[in-house]
Amino acid sequence: MSVRPDLHQHYVKACQDLGQPENPFIAHVLQDADKNDKISQTEEITLKIDGNNKLVPVQRVTDDDLQVLASVLCHTAFVTGLDLRFNVLTDAGARHIATILQENSTLRHLNLMLNDIGTSGAELIATALHKNETLVYLRMTGNKIGNKGGMFFASMLEINSTLEKLDLGDCDMGTRCLIAIAIALKQNKSLKAINLSRPLLYSQEEETTVHIALMLKINSSLVELHLCKHDMKNFGVERLCEALYRNSTLRYLDLSCNRITCDGAKCLRELLKQNQTLEILDLRANRIEDDGATFLSEALALHNRALRALSVVSNNIGGKGLVALSRAMKTNMELSNIYIWGNKFDEATCVAFSELIQTGRLSLHCTDVEPYEVDGHVYLAELSHGLQKHYYWTPSYGEAMNKDANASLAIVAVSECL
C-alpha cells in the first residue's frame, strides 16, 4: 500500500507559503486524521472541523484559514468528507469552497451549516457544482443566501447530475426560488433528498406547495422531502396528496411545523389507504387533534402496511385519538416507530402505550415515551428519541448519529450524513 501524504505537514507548509498563522483546531484535526489513517488504513477520511465541537478547544475557521486548508485539499485524493459547520465563513470563504469543488476529485460530502455565506457565496458554490462530478451531499442549512442565492441552486439542479442530497433549510429563500427549484426537479434525475424548510413566504395562496405537488407527479427519483415551516394549510396538503397518488418513489415526507388540521389528516388518510411507498410521515407541531389522529389510525389499522414511522408530536391530540393510534399498532405490525410526546395524555393513553411497550409490540428505542407507575397510576415520561433529534446539533458524548434519536436515518438512508 502506498504511503499517503501527511496532511498536517502539508498544512504547516501551506501556512508558511501563504504567510498565514496556523489555526490550532485545524492542526489538531489534521493530526488526528493522520494518526487514525496510519492505524486503520481506511480508504476514505472525513475531516470534522465543526466550530461547535465541545470536546476540544475550538478556534473557529475563518476565510483566511480556509484558504490554507483549500490549498491542501486541492491536492489530496483521499479526503471524501468535509464538515465545516458552525464556523465564521463568509462569501470570501465560499470562493475557496468553490476552488475545492473545482479541483478536488474525491470530495463527496460537504457540510457548511450555519456559517455566514450569503447570495454571492451561493453563486460561487452553485456555479462550481455545474461541472463537479463527485459531490453527493451538500448542506447549506442556515446560511442566509436569500431568494437570489436559491435561484443559483435551482439553475445548478438543471445541470448537475451527481448531487443526491441537498439541504437548503433555514436559508431565507422565497417564493420565486422555491418554484424554480420545483421546476428544476421535474427533469433532475439524480437528487434523492432535498430540504426546503423554513422559507420566507408572504402569500397565503400556497403557490409553492402547488408547484412542489406538480413536480411530485413527474419526478421519479426523489425519496426524501422536507417541507417544514411552509405555513402549509389543508389546501396544500390536499394538493400534495393528489400528487402522491401518482408518485411511487417518495418514502419520507416531512410536513412538520405547519398549519395542518383534521381536514388535512383526512386527506392523508385517503392517501395512506392507497400509497404503498411512503415509509416515514412527520406531522409534528401541527394541529390534527383527536379527529385527525382517528383518521390516520383508520388507514393504518385497515389498509396501509407500508408506513414504518409516524410522528404526531405536539398536535393537541387527546386520549381518544392517542388510544386509536395505539389500537392501530396492535393490528398493523409494520408500523414500528411512533412519536406522541407533547399531546394530552389521559390515563387511558398511558395504559394503552404502557401495554404496547410491556408486551414488546412497541420498543422503547422506537418511541419517545416510557411508562412509569406512581401510587397505582400509570404515567408516561419523555425519552429523547425521534426522527431527527440531532438535525441542528450532535451530542458531546455517545454516538453522534444515535439511531434512537435519528430514526429516519435508519429507516430511509439516502446517503451518509455529516
Protein backbone atom coordinates (compact mmCIF):
# COMPACT_ATOMS: atom_id res chain seq x y z
CA MET A 1 0.00 0.00 0.00
CA SER A 2 1.35 3.41 -0.98
CA VAL A 3 2.22 5.88 1.79
CA ARG A 4 -0.20 8.76 1.91
CA PRO A 5 0.93 12.37 2.24
CA ASP A 6 0.93 13.78 5.78
CA LEU A 7 -1.99 16.23 5.96
CA HIS A 8 -0.59 18.12 8.93
CA GLN A 9 2.83 18.60 7.35
CA HIS A 10 1.19 19.85 4.16
CA TYR A 11 -0.92 22.26 6.23
CA VAL A 12 2.12 23.66 8.08
CA LYS A 13 3.95 24.20 4.79
CA ALA A 14 0.89 25.85 3.22
CA CYS A 15 0.63 28.26 6.16
CA GLN A 16 4.26 29.21 5.67
CA ASP A 17 3.89 29.61 1.91
CA LEU A 18 0.79 31.82 2.26
CA GLY A 19 2.07 33.74 5.28
CA GLN A 20 -0.90 32.73 7.41
CA PRO A 21 -0.81 31.68 11.09
CA GLU A 22 -1.81 28.13 11.90
CA ASN A 23 -5.29 27.52 13.24
CA PRO A 24 -4.69 25.16 16.20
CA PHE A 25 -8.08 23.48 15.78
CA ILE A 26 -7.44 22.66 12.12
CA ALA A 27 -3.95 21.42 13.02
CA HIS A 28 -5.41 19.18 15.73
CA VAL A 29 -8.00 17.67 13.35
CA LEU A 30 -5.38 17.01 10.65
CA GLN A 31 -3.00 15.40 13.16
CA ASP A 32 -5.81 13.11 14.34
CA ALA A 33 -6.67 12.25 10.75
CA ASP A 34 -3.04 11.32 10.02
CA LYS A 35 -2.82 9.21 13.17
CA ASN A 36 -6.12 7.39 12.58
CA ASP A 37 -5.27 6.79 8.94
CA LYS A 38 -1.99 5.10 9.88
CA ILE A 39 -3.81 2.87 12.35
CA SER A 40 -6.83 1.88 10.27
CA GLN A 41 -5.52 2.39 6.71
CA THR A 42 -9.01 3.43 5.61
CA GLU A 43 -9.57 4.43 2.03
CA GLU A 44 -11.68 7.47 2.95
CA ILE A 45 -11.24 10.27 5.50
CA THR A 46 -13.80 12.77 6.79
CA LEU A 47 -12.41 15.95 8.34
CA LYS A 48 -14.72 17.18 11.12
CA ILE A 49 -13.74 20.82 11.64
CA ASP A 50 -17.05 21.80 13.21
CA GLY A 51 -16.98 25.05 15.15
CA ASN A 52 -19.36 23.81 17.87
CA ASN A 53 -17.15 20.91 18.96
CA LYS A 54 -17.27 20.78 22.77
CA LEU A 55 -14.63 18.11 23.29
CA VAL A 56 -11.55 20.10 22.26
CA PRO A 57 -10.60 23.81 22.27
CA VAL A 58 -12.04 25.37 19.13
CA GLN A 59 -10.79 28.35 17.15
CA ARG A 60 -13.46 28.78 14.54
CA VAL A 61 -12.41 28.64 10.92
CA THR A 62 -12.18 31.98 9.10
CA ASP A 63 -11.96 32.73 5.39
CA ASP A 64 -8.16 33.03 5.64
CA ASP A 65 -7.94 29.69 7.46
CA LEU A 66 -9.98 28.10 4.71
CA GLN A 67 -7.69 29.49 2.02
CA VAL A 68 -4.81 27.50 3.54
CA LEU A 69 -6.93 24.37 4.00
CA ALA A 70 -8.16 24.60 0.42
CA SER A 71 -4.58 24.62 -0.88
CA VAL A 72 -4.03 21.34 0.99
CA LEU A 73 -7.29 19.66 -0.04
CA CYS A 74 -7.00 20.55 -3.70
CA HIS A 75 -4.04 18.15 -3.91
CA THR A 76 -5.41 15.43 -1.63
CA ALA A 77 -7.04 12.37 -3.14
CA PHE A 78 -8.38 10.56 -0.08
CA VAL A 79 -10.46 13.14 1.84
CA THR A 80 -14.09 12.38 0.98
CA GLY A 81 -15.92 14.37 3.67
CA LEU A 82 -15.51 17.92 4.99
CA ASP A 83 -17.55 19.21 7.93
CA LEU A 84 -17.23 22.99 8.39
CA ARG A 85 -20.49 23.74 10.21
CA PHE A 86 -20.76 26.43 12.90
CA ASN A 87 -17.74 28.41 11.70
CA VAL A 88 -17.44 32.04 10.53
CA LEU A 89 -17.08 31.55 6.78
CA THR A 90 -18.41 34.35 4.57
CA ASP A 91 -18.73 34.87 0.82
CA ALA A 92 -14.94 35.19 0.65
CA GLY A 93 -14.65 31.72 2.14
CA ALA A 94 -17.20 30.44 -0.38
CA ARG A 95 -14.68 31.29 -3.09
CA HIS A 96 -12.22 28.82 -1.53
CA ILE A 97 -15.03 26.23 -1.23
CA ALA A 98 -15.66 26.68 -4.94
CA THR A 99 -11.96 26.12 -5.63
CA ILE A 100 -12.06 22.84 -3.69
CA LEU A 101 -15.15 21.71 -5.61
CA GLN A 102 -13.47 22.55 -8.91
CA GLU A 103 -10.07 20.98 -8.22
CA ASN A 104 -10.69 18.13 -5.74
CA SER A 105 -11.99 14.99 -7.44
CA THR A 106 -12.78 12.88 -4.36
CA LEU A 107 -14.88 15.07 -2.02
CA ARG A 108 -18.35 13.52 -1.66
CA HIS A 109 -19.82 15.17 1.44
CA LEU A 110 -19.69 18.86 2.38
CA ASN A 111 -21.38 20.43 5.41
CA LEU A 112 -21.46 24.25 5.57
CA MET A 113 -24.34 24.56 8.03
CA LEU A 114 -24.70 27.83 9.96
CA ASN A 115 -21.88 29.90 8.55
CA ASP A 116 -22.29 33.44 7.18
CA ILE A 117 -22.42 32.67 3.46
CA GLY A 118 -24.74 34.95 1.51
CA THR A 119 -26.02 35.41 -2.03
CA SER A 120 -22.67 35.87 -3.82
CA GLY A 121 -21.20 32.91 -1.94
CA ALA A 122 -24.15 30.79 -3.01
CA GLU A 123 -23.47 31.78 -6.61
CA LEU A 124 -19.83 30.70 -6.36
CA ILE A 125 -20.68 27.31 -4.82
CA ALA A 126 -23.61 26.60 -7.16
CA THR A 127 -21.55 27.55 -10.22
CA ALA A 128 -18.72 25.25 -9.12
CA LEU A 129 -21.26 22.40 -8.94
CA HIS A 130 -22.13 22.84 -12.61
CA LYS A 131 -19.02 20.83 -13.52
CA ASN A 132 -18.40 18.92 -10.29
CA GLU A 133 -18.98 15.17 -10.72
CA THR A 134 -18.16 13.81 -7.26
CA LEU A 135 -20.12 15.68 -4.56
CA VAL A 136 -23.24 13.78 -3.50
CA TYR A 137 -24.26 15.63 -0.32
CA LEU A 138 -24.26 19.39 0.29
CA ARG A 139 -25.64 21.02 3.42
CA MET A 140 -26.16 24.80 3.31
CA THR A 141 -28.54 24.94 6.28
CA GLY A 142 -28.81 28.33 7.98
CA ASN A 143 -26.71 30.35 5.50
CA LYS A 144 -28.84 33.34 4.54
CA ILE A 145 -28.49 33.02 0.80
CA GLY A 146 -31.93 34.52 0.18
CA ASN A 147 -34.12 34.30 -2.88
CA LYS A 148 -31.33 35.17 -5.34
CA GLY A 149 -28.98 32.61 -3.82
CA GLY A 150 -31.69 29.96 -4.07
CA MET A 151 -32.09 30.75 -7.77
CA PHE A 152 -28.43 29.85 -8.36
CA PHE A 153 -29.04 26.43 -6.81
CA ALA A 154 -32.17 25.99 -8.92
CA SER A 155 -30.07 26.61 -12.04
CA MET A 156 -27.45 24.18 -10.75
CA LEU A 157 -30.06 21.43 -10.38
CA GLU A 158 -30.84 21.74 -14.10
CA ILE A 159 -27.20 20.91 -14.94
CA ASN A 160 -25.66 18.80 -12.15
CA SER A 161 -26.30 15.06 -12.42
CA THR A 162 -24.32 13.82 -9.39
CA LEU A 163 -25.72 15.53 -6.29
CA GLU A 164 -28.03 13.22 -4.32
CA LYS A 165 -28.82 15.18 -1.16
CA LEU A 166 -29.22 18.96 -0.85
CA ASP A 167 -30.17 20.81 2.33
CA LEU A 168 -31.35 24.39 1.85
CA GLY A 169 -33.32 24.66 5.08
CA ASP A 170 -33.36 27.96 7.03
CA CYS A 171 -31.73 29.80 4.11
CA ASP A 172 -34.34 32.62 3.86
CA MET A 173 -35.40 31.52 0.38
CA GLY A 174 -38.58 32.96 -1.12
CA THR A 175 -41.48 32.01 -3.36
CA ARG A 176 -39.66 32.62 -6.64
CA CYS A 177 -36.70 30.33 -5.99
CA LEU A 178 -38.87 27.55 -4.46
CA ILE A 179 -40.92 27.49 -7.63
CA ALA A 180 -37.72 27.48 -9.72
CA ILE A 181 -36.35 24.54 -7.69
CA ALA A 182 -39.62 22.64 -8.13
CA ILE A 183 -39.44 23.19 -11.89
CA ALA A 184 -35.79 22.07 -11.99
CA LEU A 185 -36.65 18.87 -10.13
CA LYS A 186 -39.12 17.91 -12.82
CA GLN A 187 -36.16 16.99 -15.02
CA ASN A 188 -33.41 16.27 -12.47
CA LYS A 189 -32.87 12.50 -12.19
CA SER A 190 -30.13 12.32 -9.56
CA LEU A 191 -31.36 14.19 -6.48
CA LYS A 192 -32.85 11.82 -3.90
CA ALA A 193 -33.34 14.12 -0.90
CA ILE A 194 -33.99 17.83 -0.51
CA ASN A 195 -34.70 20.04 2.49
CA LEU A 196 -36.59 23.25 1.71
CA SER A 197 -37.67 24.02 5.28
CA ARG A 198 -38.44 27.47 6.68
CA PRO A 199 -38.60 29.67 3.59
CA LEU A 200 -39.81 33.27 3.87
CA LEU A 201 -43.30 33.20 2.32
CA TYR A 202 -45.70 36.12 2.37
CA SER A 203 -48.58 34.82 0.25
CA GLN A 204 -51.50 32.86 1.70
CA GLU A 205 -52.24 31.09 -1.59
CA GLU A 206 -49.68 28.28 -1.19
CA GLU A 207 -48.27 28.65 -4.71
CA THR A 208 -45.03 26.96 -3.69
CA THR A 209 -46.84 23.88 -2.39
CA VAL A 210 -48.85 23.68 -5.62
CA HIS A 211 -45.66 23.73 -7.72
CA ILE A 212 -43.97 21.14 -5.48
CA ALA A 213 -47.05 18.92 -5.90
CA LEU A 214 -46.87 19.27 -9.67
CA MET A 215 -43.22 18.28 -9.51
CA LEU A 216 -44.02 15.16 -7.46
CA LYS A 217 -46.38 13.97 -10.19
CA ILE A 218 -43.44 13.87 -12.61
CA ASN A 219 -40.28 13.31 -10.54
CA SER A 220 -39.22 9.67 -10.25
CA SER A 221 -36.02 9.99 -8.18
CA LEU A 222 -36.89 11.96 -5.03
CA VAL A 223 -37.01 9.75 -1.93
CA GLU A 224 -36.97 12.33 0.89
CA LEU A 225 -38.72 15.72 1.00
CA HIS A 226 -38.71 18.23 3.89
CA LEU A 227 -41.34 20.98 3.84
CA CYS A 228 -41.15 22.09 7.46
CA LYS A 229 -42.43 25.61 8.35
CA HIS A 230 -44.05 26.28 4.98
CA ASP A 231 -47.18 27.78 6.54
CA MET A 232 -48.96 24.89 4.82
CA LYS A 233 -52.68 24.51 5.39
CA ASN A 234 -55.19 21.83 4.44
CA PHE A 235 -55.38 23.07 0.84
CA GLY A 236 -51.66 22.46 0.38
CA VAL A 237 -51.85 19.01 1.96
CA GLU A 238 -54.66 18.09 -0.40
CA ARG A 239 -52.56 19.12 -3.43
CA LEU A 240 -49.62 17.04 -2.18
CA CYS A 241 -51.84 14.01 -1.60
CA GLU A 242 -53.26 14.28 -5.12
CA ALA A 243 -49.71 14.22 -6.47
CA LEU A 244 -48.58 11.32 -4.29
CA TYR A 245 -51.29 9.04 -5.65
CA ARG A 246 -49.18 9.03 -8.81
CA ASN A 247 -45.76 9.01 -7.16
CA SER A 248 -44.10 5.67 -6.43
CA THR A 249 -40.68 6.78 -5.12
CA LEU A 250 -41.13 9.20 -2.19
CA ARG A 251 -40.51 7.39 1.09
CA TYR A 252 -40.04 10.22 3.61
CA LEU A 253 -42.38 13.21 3.81
CA ASP A 254 -41.76 15.91 6.43
CA LEU A 255 -44.73 18.26 6.95
CA SER A 256 -43.80 19.34 10.47
CA CYS A 257 -44.48 22.80 11.94
CA ASN A 258 -47.27 23.73 9.55
CA ARG A 259 -50.98 24.55 9.97
CA ILE A 260 -52.48 21.17 9.17
CA THR A 261 -55.72 20.32 10.96
CA CYS A 262 -58.03 17.30 10.99
CA ASP A 263 -59.21 18.06 7.43
CA GLY A 264 -55.63 17.72 6.20
CA ALA A 265 -55.32 14.48 8.15
CA LYS A 266 -58.44 13.24 6.36
CA CYS A 267 -56.66 13.77 3.02
CA LEU A 268 -53.64 11.89 4.37
CA ARG A 269 -55.92 9.06 5.45
CA GLU A 270 -57.16 8.59 1.89
CA LEU A 271 -53.59 8.73 0.61
CA LEU A 272 -52.38 6.12 3.10
CA LYS A 273 -55.17 3.79 2.02
CA GLN A 274 -53.63 3.62 -1.46
CA ASN A 275 -49.99 4.65 -1.20
CA GLN A 276 -47.66 1.71 -0.57
CA THR A 277 -44.37 3.63 -0.84
CA LEU A 278 -44.33 6.20 1.97
CA GLU A 279 -42.40 4.88 4.99
CA ILE A 280 -41.97 7.99 7.18
CA LEU A 281 -44.60 10.68 7.82
CA ASP A 282 -43.61 13.58 10.09
CA LEU A 283 -46.57 15.68 11.27
CA ARG A 284 -45.12 17.07 14.49
CA ALA A 285 -46.18 20.54 15.58
CA ASN A 286 -49.40 20.71 13.59
CA ARG A 287 -52.95 20.61 14.99
CA ILE A 288 -54.66 17.44 13.77
CA GLU A 289 -56.25 16.82 17.20
CA ASP A 290 -58.37 13.76 18.09
CA ASP A 291 -60.29 13.61 14.82
CA GLY A 292 -57.11 13.77 12.73
CA ALA A 293 -55.42 11.05 14.77
CA THR A 294 -58.52 8.88 14.40
CA PHE A 295 -58.49 9.35 10.62
CA LEU A 296 -54.84 8.27 10.44
CA SER A 297 -55.50 5.33 12.76
CA GLU A 298 -58.25 4.05 10.50
CA ALA A 299 -55.96 3.96 7.45
CA LEU A 300 -53.11 2.38 9.40
CA ALA A 301 -55.26 -0.27 11.04
CA LEU A 302 -57.21 -1.42 7.99
CA HIS A 303 -55.35 -0.50 4.82
CA ASN A 304 -51.74 0.70 4.96
CA ARG A 305 -48.86 -1.70 5.55
CA ALA A 306 -46.03 0.45 4.18
CA LEU A 307 -45.65 3.21 6.78
CA ARG A 308 -42.94 2.40 9.32
CA ALA A 309 -42.66 5.66 11.29
CA LEU A 310 -45.21 8.29 12.29
CA SER A 311 -44.60 11.44 14.34
CA VAL A 312 -47.60 13.32 15.76
CA VAL A 313 -45.67 15.17 18.48
CA SER A 314 -47.41 18.35 19.73
CA ASN A 315 -50.65 18.04 17.78
CA ASN A 316 -53.17 18.77 20.56
CA ILE A 317 -54.32 15.15 20.47
CA GLY A 318 -56.28 13.88 23.47
CA GLY A 319 -56.97 10.42 24.82
CA LYS A 320 -59.45 9.45 22.11
CA GLY A 321 -57.00 9.97 19.25
CA LEU A 322 -53.97 8.55 21.04
CA VAL A 323 -55.79 5.39 22.09
CA ALA A 324 -56.95 4.98 18.48
CA LEU A 325 -53.33 5.13 17.34
CA SER A 326 -52.33 2.52 19.94
CA ARG A 327 -55.08 0.19 18.69
CA ALA A 328 -53.87 0.64 15.12
CA MET A 329 -50.44 -0.57 16.20
CA LYS A 330 -51.95 -3.80 17.52
CA THR A 331 -53.22 -4.75 14.06
CA ASN A 332 -50.52 -3.10 11.94
CA MET A 333 -47.24 -4.92 12.59
CA GLU A 334 -45.28 -2.88 10.03
CA LEU A 335 -45.61 0.42 11.92
CA SER A 336 -42.58 0.19 14.19
CA ASN A 337 -41.90 3.82 15.25
CA ILE A 338 -44.42 6.24 16.73
CA TYR A 339 -43.73 9.56 18.50
CA ILE A 340 -46.50 11.16 20.58
CA TRP A 341 -44.94 13.46 23.20
CA GLY A 342 -46.47 16.93 23.62
CA ASN A 343 -50.09 15.80 23.40
CA LYS A 344 -52.76 15.43 26.11
CA PHE A 345 -52.11 12.19 27.97
CA ASP A 346 -55.03 10.84 29.99
CA GLU A 347 -54.89 7.60 31.96
CA ALA A 348 -56.30 5.54 29.08
CA THR A 349 -53.49 6.78 26.84
CA CYS A 350 -50.82 5.97 29.41
CA VAL A 351 -52.21 2.47 29.96
CA ALA A 352 -52.55 1.79 26.22
CA PHE A 353 -48.95 2.72 25.38
CA SER A 354 -47.66 1.03 28.50
CA GLU A 355 -49.26 -2.21 27.31
CA LEU A 356 -47.72 -1.82 23.85
CA ILE A 357 -44.28 -1.41 25.40
CA GLN A 358 -44.63 -4.15 28.04
CA THR A 359 -45.90 -6.71 25.53
CA GLY A 360 -42.98 -5.96 23.21
CA ARG A 361 -45.15 -4.59 20.40
CA LEU A 362 -43.52 -1.16 20.76
CA SER A 363 -39.83 -0.90 21.60
CA LEU A 364 -38.56 1.92 23.79
CA HIS A 365 -35.98 2.54 21.07
CA CYS A 366 -38.81 3.35 18.66
CA THR A 367 -40.87 5.85 20.64
CA ASP A 368 -40.42 8.98 22.71
CA VAL A 369 -42.30 7.89 25.85
CA GLU A 370 -41.58 5.49 28.70
CA PRO A 371 -44.19 4.32 31.23
CA TYR A 372 -43.74 4.58 34.98
CA GLU A 373 -46.12 3.98 37.88
CA VAL A 374 -46.92 6.11 40.94
CA ASP A 375 -49.50 5.07 43.56
CA GLY A 376 -51.05 2.55 41.20
CA HIS A 377 -51.44 5.02 38.31
CA VAL A 378 -49.50 4.77 35.04
CA TYR A 379 -47.82 7.84 33.56
CA LEU A 380 -45.60 8.50 30.54
CA ALA A 381 -42.18 10.18 30.71
CA GLU A 382 -40.38 11.70 27.74
CA LEU A 383 -37.46 9.97 26.02
CA SER A 384 -35.04 11.93 23.84
CA HIS A 385 -35.93 9.88 20.77
CA GLY A 386 -37.29 11.00 17.42
CA LEU A 387 -36.91 11.05 13.67
CA GLN A 388 -34.09 13.63 13.55
CA LYS A 389 -33.29 14.95 17.00
CA HIS A 390 -29.72 15.76 16.00
CA TYR A 391 -30.52 17.81 12.92
CA TYR A 392 -29.03 21.03 14.32
CA TRP A 393 -26.63 19.60 16.91
CA THR A 394 -24.79 16.47 17.93
CA PRO A 395 -24.28 15.24 21.49
CA SER A 396 -20.93 15.78 23.21
CA TYR A 397 -20.78 12.10 24.17
CA GLY A 398 -22.10 8.83 22.77
CA GLU A 399 -22.87 8.15 19.15
CA ALA A 400 -23.22 11.28 17.02
CA MET A 401 -25.88 9.59 14.91
CA ASN A 402 -27.65 7.53 17.57
CA LYS A 403 -30.38 5.63 15.73
CA ASP A 404 -32.91 6.07 18.56
CA ALA A 405 -32.70 9.86 18.28
CA ASN A 406 -32.38 9.84 14.48
CA ALA A 407 -34.63 7.00 13.41
CA SER A 408 -35.17 8.44 9.94
CA LEU A 409 -31.54 7.72 9.05
CA ALA A 410 -32.00 4.04 9.83
CA ILE A 411 -35.32 3.72 8.00
CA VAL A 412 -34.63 5.79 4.89
CA ALA A 413 -30.88 6.17 4.40
CA VAL A 414 -30.35 8.33 1.32
CA SER A 415 -26.66 8.99 1.84
CA GLU A 416 -24.18 9.24 4.68
CA CYS A 417 -24.68 12.28 6.87
CA LEU A 418 -22.18 14.78 8.21
